[in-house]
Amino acid sequence: MYQSDRPVKFWQFNAPGAIAGIAHDSASLYVTCKDTNVYRLDLTTGKLLWKYQTQAILDSAPQLGNKVVYQRIPDIGLIA
């Protein structure tokens, strides 16, 4: 049980590099980090659901489609 008069930490994600962007849907949090990875975390528990390594250092948040996560890769293009 938590009290509404003070902050409460539900979970924590220790990003391995600086965070470049965040997006979310109803169940997941998507985090792009400067370590070249896109991470998908369970929004409720913070559990890592998957990570995808890209070919470059990321500098923007992912964009969410209905069934696909899109990520711009600097100087390369777009991955899905």
PDB file of N, CA and C in Angstrom:
ATOM      1  N   MET A   1       0.845  -1.179   0.000  1.00  0.00           N
ATOM      2  CA  MET A   1       0.000   0.000   0.000  1.00  0.00           C
ATOM      3  C   MET A   1       0.891   1.243   0.000  1.00  0.00           C
ATOM      4  N   TYR A   2       0.511   2.248  -0.704  1.00  0.00           N
ATOM      5  CA  TYR A   2       1.288   3.483  -0.751  1.00  0.00           C
ATOM      6  C   TYR A   2       0.433   4.669  -0.338  1.00  0.00           C
ATOM      7  N   GLN A   3       1.109   5.722   0.051  1.00  0.00           N
ATOM      8  CA  GLN A   3       0.432   6.937   0.461  1.00  0.00           C
ATOM      9  C   GLN A   3       0.562   7.973  -0.644  1.00  0.00           C
ATOM     10  N   SER A   4      -0.483   8.741  -0.857  1.00  0.00           N
ATOM     11  CA  SER A   4      -0.495   9.702  -1.956  1.00  0.00           C
ATOM     12  C   SER A   4       0.274  10.991  -1.649  1.00  0.00           C
ATOM     13  N   ASP A   5       0.772  11.146  -0.441  1.00  0.00           N
ATOM     14  CA  ASP A   5       1.453  12.390  -0.094  1.00  0.00           C
ATOM     15  C   ASP A   5       2.967  12.332  -0.293  1.00  0.00           C
ATOM     16  N   ARG A   6       3.467  11.241  -0.881  1.00  0.00           N
ATOM     17  CA  ARG A   6       4.901  11.134  -1.148  1.00  0.00           C
ATOM     18  C   ARG A   6       5.135  10.202  -2.344  1.00  0.00           C
ATOM     19  N   PRO A   7       6.259  10.377  -3.027  1.00  0.00           N
ATOM     20  CA  PRO A   7       6.543   9.518  -4.180  1.00  0.00           C
ATOM     21  C   PRO A   7       6.852   8.089  -3.737  1.00  0.00           C
ATOM     22  N   VAL A   8       6.495   7.144  -4.602  1.00  0.00           N
ATOM     23  CA  VAL A   8       6.745   5.737  -4.350  1.00  0.00           C
ATOM     24  C   VAL A   8       7.371   5.130  -5.607  1.00  0.00           C
ATOM     25  N   LYS A   9       8.458   4.412  -5.440  1.00  0.00           N
ATOM     26  CA  LYS A   9       9.102   3.754  -6.570  1.00  0.00           C
ATOM     27  C   LYS A   9       8.456   2.384  -6.770  1.00  0.00           C
ATOM     28  N   PHE A  10       7.902   2.147  -7.955  1.00  0.00           N
ATOM     29  CA  PHE A  10       7.292   0.860  -8.271  1.00  0.00           C
ATOM     30  C   PHE A  10       8.322  -0.098  -8.850  1.00  0.00           C
ATOM     31  N   TRP A  11       9.197   0.404  -9.683  1.00  0.00           N
ATOM     32  CA  TRP A  11      10.273  -0.395 -10.252  1.00  0.00           C
ATOM     33  C   TRP A  11      11.340   0.542 -10.798  1.00  0.00           C
ATOM     34  N   GLN A  12      12.465  -0.038 -11.193  1.00  0.00           N
ATOM     35  CA  GLN A  12      13.587   0.760 -11.678  1.00  0.00           C
ATOM     36  C   GLN A  12      14.236   0.061 -12.859  1.00  0.00           C
ATOM     37  N   PHE A  13      14.608   0.833 -13.877  1.00  0.00           N
ATOM     38  CA  PHE A  13      15.365   0.331 -15.026  1.00  0.00           C
ATOM     39  C   PHE A  13      16.695   1.065 -15.041  1.00  0.00           C
ATOM     40  N   ASN A  14      17.767   0.324 -14.885  1.00  0.00           N
ATOM     41  CA  ASN A  14      19.101   0.911 -14.906  1.00  0.00           C
ATOM     42  C   ASN A  14      19.604   0.901 -16.346  1.00  0.00           C
ATOM     43  N   ALA A  15      19.427   2.010 -17.023  1.00  0.00           N
ATOM     44  CA  ALA A  15      19.819   2.123 -18.425  1.00  0.00           C
ATOM     45  C   ALA A  15      21.334   1.998 -18.542  1.00  0.00           C
ATOM     46  N   PRO A  16      21.803   1.174 -19.481  1.00  0.00           N
ATOM     47  CA  PRO A  16      23.245   0.988 -19.657  1.00  0.00           C
ATOM     48  C   PRO A  16      23.919   2.163 -20.359  1.00  0.00           C
ATOM     49  N   GLY A  17      23.164   3.082 -20.851  1.00  0.00           N
ATOM     50  CA  GLY A  17      23.679   4.288 -21.490  1.00  0.00           C
ATOM     51  C   GLY A  17      22.639   5.376 -21.332  1.00  0.00           C
ATOM     52  N   ALA A  18      22.973   6.570 -21.741  1.00  0.00           N
ATOM     53  CA  ALA A  18      22.012   7.664 -21.653  1.00  0.00           C
ATOM     54  C   ALA A  18      20.748   7.318 -22.435  1.00  0.00           C
ATOM     55  N   ILE A  19      19.607   7.714 -21.908  1.00  0.00           N
ATOM     56  CA  ILE A  19      18.333   7.458 -22.578  1.00  0.00           C
ATOM     57  C   ILE A  19      18.107   8.521 -23.648  1.00  0.00           C
ATOM     58  N   ALA A  20      17.817   8.063 -24.862  1.00  0.00           N
ATOM     59  CA  ALA A  20      17.598   8.971 -25.991  1.00  0.00           C
ATOM     60  C   ALA A  20      16.120   9.263 -26.201  1.00  0.00           C
ATOM     61  N   GLY A  21      15.242   8.341 -25.807  1.00  0.00           N
ATOM     62  CA  GLY A  21      13.815   8.558 -26.009  1.00  0.00           C
ATOM     63  C   GLY A  21      12.987   7.470 -25.359  1.00  0.00           C
ATOM     64  N   ILE A  22      11.722   7.795 -25.111  1.00  0.00           N
ATOM     65  CA  ILE A  22      10.783   6.871 -24.478  1.00  0.00           C
ATOM     66  C   ILE A  22       9.445   6.965 -25.193  1.00  0.00           C
ATOM     67  N   ALA A  23       8.803   5.812 -25.367  1.00  0.00           N
ATOM     68  CA  ALA A  23       7.437   5.748 -25.886  1.00  0.00           C
ATOM     69  C   ALA A  23       6.717   4.646 -25.111  1.00  0.00           C
ATOM     70  N   HIS A  24       5.384   4.683 -25.095  1.00  0.00           N
ATOM     71  CA  HIS A  24       4.646   3.621 -24.402  1.00  0.00           C
ATOM     72  C   HIS A  24       3.309   3.364 -25.057  1.00  0.00           C
ATOM     73  N   ASP A  25       2.826   2.150 -24.833  1.00  0.00           N
ATOM     74  CA  ASP A  25       1.451   1.804 -25.184  1.00  0.00           C
ATOM     75  C   ASP A  25       0.778   1.354 -23.894  1.00  0.00           C
ATOM     76  N   SER A  26      -0.326   0.663 -23.984  1.00  0.00           N
ATOM     77  CA  SER A  26      -1.071   0.323 -22.775  1.00  0.00           C
ATOM     78  C   SER A  26      -0.382  -0.723 -21.902  1.00  0.00           C
ATOM     79  N   ALA A  27       0.582  -1.465 -22.439  1.00  0.00           N
ATOM     80  CA  ALA A  27       1.219  -2.535 -21.668  1.00  0.00           C
ATOM     81  C   ALA A  27       2.732  -2.418 -21.542  1.00  0.00           C
ATOM     82  N   SER A  28       3.379  -1.633 -22.402  1.00  0.00           N
ATOM     83  CA  SER A  28       4.835  -1.627 -22.450  1.00  0.00           C
ATOM     84  C   SER A  28       5.416  -0.225 -22.514  1.00  0.00           C
ATOM     85  N   LEU A  29       6.651  -0.137 -22.045  1.00  0.00           N
ATOM     86  CA  LEU A  29       7.454   1.079 -22.150  1.00  0.00           C
ATOM     87  C   LEU A  29       8.625   0.752 -23.061  1.00  0.00           C
ATOM     88  N   TYR A  30       8.849   1.571 -24.081  1.00  0.00           N
ATOM     89  CA  TYR A  30       9.933   1.366 -25.039  1.00  0.00           C
ATOM     90  C   TYR A  30      10.976   2.451 -24.795  1.00  0.00           C
ATOM     91  N   VAL A  31      12.221   2.028 -24.579  1.00  0.00           N
ATOM     92  CA  VAL A  31      13.290   2.954 -24.230  1.00  0.00           C
ATOM     93  C   VAL A  31      14.424   2.792 -25.226  1.00  0.00           C
ATOM     94  N   THR A  32      14.837   3.898 -25.839  1.00  0.00           N
ATOM     95  CA  THR A  32      16.027   3.863 -26.684  1.00  0.00           C
ATOM     96  C   THR A  32      17.175   4.469 -25.894  1.00  0.00           C
ATOM     97  N   CYS A  33      18.314   3.791 -25.962  1.00  0.00           N
ATOM     98  CA  CYS A  33      19.488   4.223 -25.205  1.00  0.00           C
ATOM     99  C   CYS A  33      20.670   4.466 -26.131  1.00  0.00           C
ATOM    100  N   LYS A  34      21.603   5.251 -25.656  1.00  0.00           N
ATOM    101  CA  LYS A  34      22.808   5.559 -26.422  1.00  0.00           C
ATOM    102  C   LYS A  34      23.724   4.352 -26.564  1.00  0.00           C
ATOM    103  N   ASP A  35      23.382   3.233 -25.931  1.00  0.00           N
ATOM    104  CA  ASP A  35      24.176   2.003 -26.078  1.00  0.00           C
ATOM    105  C   ASP A  35      23.799   1.221 -27.329  1.00  0.00           C
ATOM    106  N   THR A  36      23.002   1.797 -28.209  1.00  0.00           N
ATOM    107  CA  THR A  36      22.545   1.259 -29.508  1.00  0.00           C
ATOM    108  C   THR A  36      21.356   0.306 -29.396  1.00  0.00           C
ATOM    109  N   ASN A  37      20.747   0.154 -28.230  1.00  0.00           N
ATOM    110  CA  ASN A  37      19.636  -0.782 -28.062  1.00  0.00           C
ATOM    111  C   ASN A  37      18.298  -0.084 -27.869  1.00  0.00           C
ATOM    112  N   VAL A  38      17.248  -0.781 -28.314  1.00  0.00           N
ATOM    113  CA  VAL A  38      15.868  -0.430 -27.997  1.00  0.00           C
ATOM    114  C   VAL A  38      15.391  -1.489 -27.013  1.00  0.00           C
ATOM    115  N   TYR A  39      14.840  -1.053 -25.880  1.00  0.00           N
ATOM    116  CA  TYR A  39      14.373  -1.964 -24.841  1.00  0.00           C
ATOM    117  C   TYR A  39      12.865  -1.882 -24.730  1.00  0.00           C
ATOM    118  N   ARG A  40      12.239  -3.045 -24.529  1.00  0.00           N
ATOM    119  CA  ARG A  40      10.803  -3.086 -24.233  1.00  0.00           C
ATOM    120  C   ARG A  40      10.645  -3.606 -22.814  1.00  0.00           C
ATOM    121  N   LEU A  41      10.001  -2.806 -21.973  1.00  0.00           N
ATOM    122  CA  LEU A  41       9.790  -3.161 -20.572  1.00  0.00           C
ATOM    123  C   LEU A  41       8.303  -3.284 -20.284  1.00  0.00           C
ATOM    124  N   ASP A  42       7.952  -4.207 -19.394  1.00  0.00           N
ATOM    125  CA  ASP A  42       6.575  -4.302 -18.940  1.00  0.00           C
ATOM    126  C   ASP A  42       6.248  -3.032 -18.161  1.00  0.00           C
ATOM    127  N   LEU A  43       5.191  -2.360 -18.530  1.00  0.00           N
ATOM    128  CA  LEU A  43       4.841  -1.071 -17.930  1.00  0.00           C
ATOM    129  C   LEU A  43       4.509  -1.190 -16.439  1.00  0.00           C
ATOM    130  N   THR A  44       3.981  -2.312 -16.018  1.00  0.00           N
ATOM    131  CA  THR A  44       3.586  -2.500 -14.622  1.00  0.00           C
ATOM    132  C   THR A  44       4.736  -2.953 -13.736  1.00  0.00           C
ATOM    133  N   THR A  45       5.550  -3.893 -14.239  1.00  0.00           N
ATOM    134  CA  THR A  45       6.597  -4.504 -13.404  1.00  0.00           C
ATOM    135  C   THR A  45       8.005  -4.002 -13.705  1.00  0.00           C
ATOM    136  N   GLY A  46       8.221  -3.427 -14.890  1.00  0.00           N
ATOM    137  CA  GLY A  46       9.552  -3.013 -15.302  1.00  0.00           C
ATOM    138  C   GLY A  46      10.402  -4.153 -15.833  1.00  0.00           C
ATOM    139  N   LYS A  47       9.842  -5.343 -15.918  1.00  0.00           N
ATOM    140  CA  LYS A  47      10.583  -6.514 -16.407  1.00  0.00           C
ATOM    141  C   LYS A  47      10.957  -6.319 -17.877  1.00  0.00           C
ATOM    142  N   LEU A  48      12.203  -6.679 -18.219  1.00  0.00           N
ATOM    143  CA  LEU A  48      12.665  -6.596 -19.595  1.00  0.00           C
ATOM    144  C   LEU A  48      11.963  -7.673 -20.420  1.00  0.00           C
ATOM    145  N   LEU A  49      11.236  -7.253 -21.459  1.00  0.00           N
ATOM    146  CA  LEU A  49      10.542  -8.198 -22.331  1.00  0.00           C
ATOM    147  C   LEU A  49      11.395  -8.562 -23.543  1.00  0.00           C
ATOM    148  N   TRP A  50      12.093  -7.575 -24.098  1.00  0.00           N
ATOM    149  CA  TRP A  50      13.080  -7.812 -25.153  1.00  0.00           C
ATOM    150  C   TRP A  50      13.950  -6.587 -25.332  1.00  0.00           C
ATOM    151  N   LYS A  51      15.067  -6.809 -26.025  1.00  0.00           N
ATOM    152  CA  LYS A  51      15.903  -5.689 -26.445  1.00  0.00           C
ATOM    153  C   LYS A  51      16.379  -5.987 -27.856  1.00  0.00           C
ATOM    154  N   TYR A  52      16.586  -4.925 -28.620  1.00  0.00           N
ATOM    155  CA  TYR A  52      17.035  -5.063 -29.997  1.00  0.00           C
ATOM    156  C   TYR A  52      18.221  -4.129 -30.215  1.00  0.00           C
ATOM    157  N   GLN A  53      19.318  -4.703 -30.665  1.00  0.00           N
ATOM    158  CA  GLN A  53      20.505  -3.892 -30.910  1.00  0.00           C
ATOM    159  C   GLN A  53      20.483  -3.366 -32.340  1.00  0.00           C
ATOM    160  N   THR A  54      20.682  -2.058 -32.461  1.00  0.00           N
ATOM    161  CA  THR A  54      20.715  -1.411 -33.766  1.00  0.00           C
ATOM    162  C   THR A  54      22.172  -1.223 -34.206  1.00  0.00           C
ATOM    163  N   GLN A  55      22.366  -0.576 -35.332  1.00  0.00           N
ATOM    164  CA  GLN A  55      23.702  -0.414 -35.897  1.00  0.00           C
ATOM    165  C   GLN A  55      24.304   0.959 -35.628  1.00  0.00           C
ATOM    166  N   ALA A  56      23.695   1.732 -34.732  1.00  0.00           N
ATOM    167  CA  ALA A  56      24.199   3.088 -34.489  1.00  0.00           C
ATOM    168  C   ALA A  56      23.749   3.574 -33.117  1.00  0.00           C
ATOM    169  N   ILE A  57      24.364   4.635 -32.663  1.00  0.00           N
ATOM    170  CA  ILE A  57      23.954   5.277 -31.421  1.00  0.00           C
ATOM    171  C   ILE A  57      22.643   6.011 -31.682  1.00  0.00           C
ATOM    172  N   LEU A  58      21.642   5.725 -30.880  1.00  0.00           N
ATOM    173  CA  LEU A  58      20.302   6.269 -31.104  1.00  0.00           C
ATOM    174  C   LEU A  58      20.156   7.646 -30.480  1.00  0.00           C
ATOM    175  N   ASP A  59      19.330   8.490 -31.144  1.00  0.00           N
ATOM    176  CA  ASP A  59      19.141   9.851 -30.632  1.00  0.00           C
ATOM    177  C   ASP A  59      17.688  10.293 -30.633  1.00  0.00           C
ATOM    178  N   SER A  60      16.756   9.336 -30.785  1.00  0.00           N
ATOM    179  CA  SER A  60      15.334   9.690 -30.794  1.00  0.00           C
ATOM    180  C   SER A  60      14.500   8.547 -30.237  1.00  0.00           C
ATOM    181  N   ALA A  61      13.277   8.871 -29.848  1.00  0.00           N
ATOM    182  CA  ALA A  61      12.350   7.879 -29.309  1.00  0.00           C
ATOM    183  C   ALA A  61      11.814   6.996 -30.425  1.00  0.00           C
ATOM    184  N   PRO A  62      11.446   5.755 -30.097  1.00  0.00           N
ATOM    185  CA  PRO A  62      10.801   4.906 -31.095  1.00  0.00           C
ATOM    186  C   PRO A  62       9.383   5.402 -31.369  1.00  0.00           C
ATOM    187  N   GLN A  63       8.860   5.045 -32.516  1.00  0.00           N
ATOM    188  CA  GLN A  63       7.476   5.351 -32.876  1.00  0.00           C
ATOM    189  C   GLN A  63       6.713   4.036 -32.908  1.00  0.00           C
ATOM    190  N   LEU A  64       5.540   4.009 -32.300  1.00  0.00           N
ATOM    191  CA  LEU A  64       4.782   2.772 -32.183  1.00  0.00           C
ATOM    192  C   LEU A  64       3.676   2.708 -33.220  1.00  0.00           C
ATOM    193  N   GLY A  65       3.655   1.597 -33.954  1.00  0.00           N
ATOM    194  CA  GLY A  65       2.555   1.304 -34.855  1.00  0.00           C
ATOM    195  C   GLY A  65       1.625   0.309 -34.173  1.00  0.00           C
ATOM    196  N   ASN A  66       0.629  -0.193 -34.889  1.00  0.00           N
ATOM    197  CA  ASN A  66      -0.306  -1.162 -34.297  1.00  0.00           C
ATOM    198  C   ASN A  66       0.388  -2.448 -33.875  1.00  0.00           C
ATOM    199  N   LYS A  67       1.324  -2.928 -34.705  1.00  0.00           N
ATOM    200  CA  LYS A  67       2.008  -4.189 -34.410  1.00  0.00           C
ATOM    201  C   LYS A  67       3.520  -4.088 -34.564  1.00  0.00           C
ATOM    202  N   VAL A  68       4.031  -2.907 -34.866  1.00  0.00           N
ATOM    203  CA  VAL A  68       5.447  -2.743 -35.178  1.00  0.00           C
ATOM    204  C   VAL A  68       6.012  -1.538 -34.427  1.00  0.00           C
ATOM    205  N   VAL A  69       7.259  -1.650 -33.997  1.00  0.00           N
ATOM    206  CA  VAL A  69       7.990  -0.537 -33.399  1.00  0.00           C
ATOM    207  C   VAL A  69       8.969  -0.030 -34.450  1.00  0.00           C
ATOM    208  N   TYR A  70       8.932   1.257 -34.739  1.00  0.00           N
ATOM    209  CA  TYR A  70       9.807   1.863 -35.735  1.00  0.00           C
ATOM    210  C   TYR A  70      10.876   2.683 -35.016  1.00  0.00           C
ATOM    211  N   GLN A  71      12.106   2.593 -35.507  1.00  0.00           N
ATOM    212  CA  GLN A  71      13.185   3.364 -34.910  1.00  0.00           C
ATOM    213  C   GLN A  71      14.038   3.979 -36.020  1.00  0.00           C
ATOM    214  N   ARG A  72      14.223   5.303 -35.929  1.00  0.00           N
ATOM    215  CA  ARG A  72      15.116   5.992 -36.864  1.00  0.00           C
ATOM    216  C   ARG A  72      16.547   5.735 -36.427  1.00  0.00           C
ATOM    217  N   ILE A  73      17.389   5.355 -37.381  1.00  0.00           N
ATOM    218  CA  ILE A  73      18.794   5.102 -37.136  1.00  0.00           C
ATOM    219  C   ILE A  73      19.585   6.220 -37.814  1.00  0.00           C
ATOM    220  N   PRO A  74      20.288   7.048 -37.036  1.00  0.00           N
ATOM    221  CA  PRO A  74      21.032   8.159 -37.640  1.00  0.00           C
ATOM    222  C   PRO A  74      21.984   7.702 -38.730  1.00  0.00           C
ATOM    223  N   ASP A  75      21.969   8.427 -39.846  1.00  0.00           N
ATOM    224  CA  ASP A  75      22.854   8.171 -40.994  1.00  0.00           C
ATOM    225  C   ASP A  75      22.633   6.812 -41.666  1.00  0.00           C
ATOM    226  N   ILE A  76      21.597   6.097 -41.285  1.00  0.00           N
ATOM    227  CA  ILE A  76      21.322   4.785 -41.900  1.00  0.00           C
ATOM    228  C   ILE A  76      19.916   4.735 -42.481  1.00  0.00           C
ATOM    229  N   GLY A  77      18.900   5.070 -41.676  1.00  0.00           N
ATOM    230  CA  GLY A  77      17.534   5.014 -42.165  1.00  0.00           C
ATOM    231  C   GLY A  77      16.562   4.630 -41.059  1.00  0.00           C
ATOM    232  N   LEU A  78      15.690   3.683 -41.364  1.00  0.00           N
ATOM    233  CA  LEU A  78      14.611   3.295 -40.465  1.00  0.00           C
ATOM    234  C   LEU A  78      14.604   1.789 -40.333  1.00  0.00           C
ATOM    235  N   ILE A  79      14.371   1.293 -39.110  1.00  0.00           N
ATOM    236  CA  ILE A  79      14.173  -0.141 -38.901  1.00  0.00           C
ATOM    237  C   ILE A  79      12.801  -0.338 -38.284  1.00  0.00           C
ATOM    238  N   ALA A  80      12.271  -1.548 -38.433  1.00  0.00           N
ATOM    239  CA  ALA A  80      10.967  -1.880 -37.865  1.00  0.00           C
ATOM    240  C   ALA A  80      11.021  -3.283 -37.286  1.00  0.00           C
TER     241      ALA A  80
END
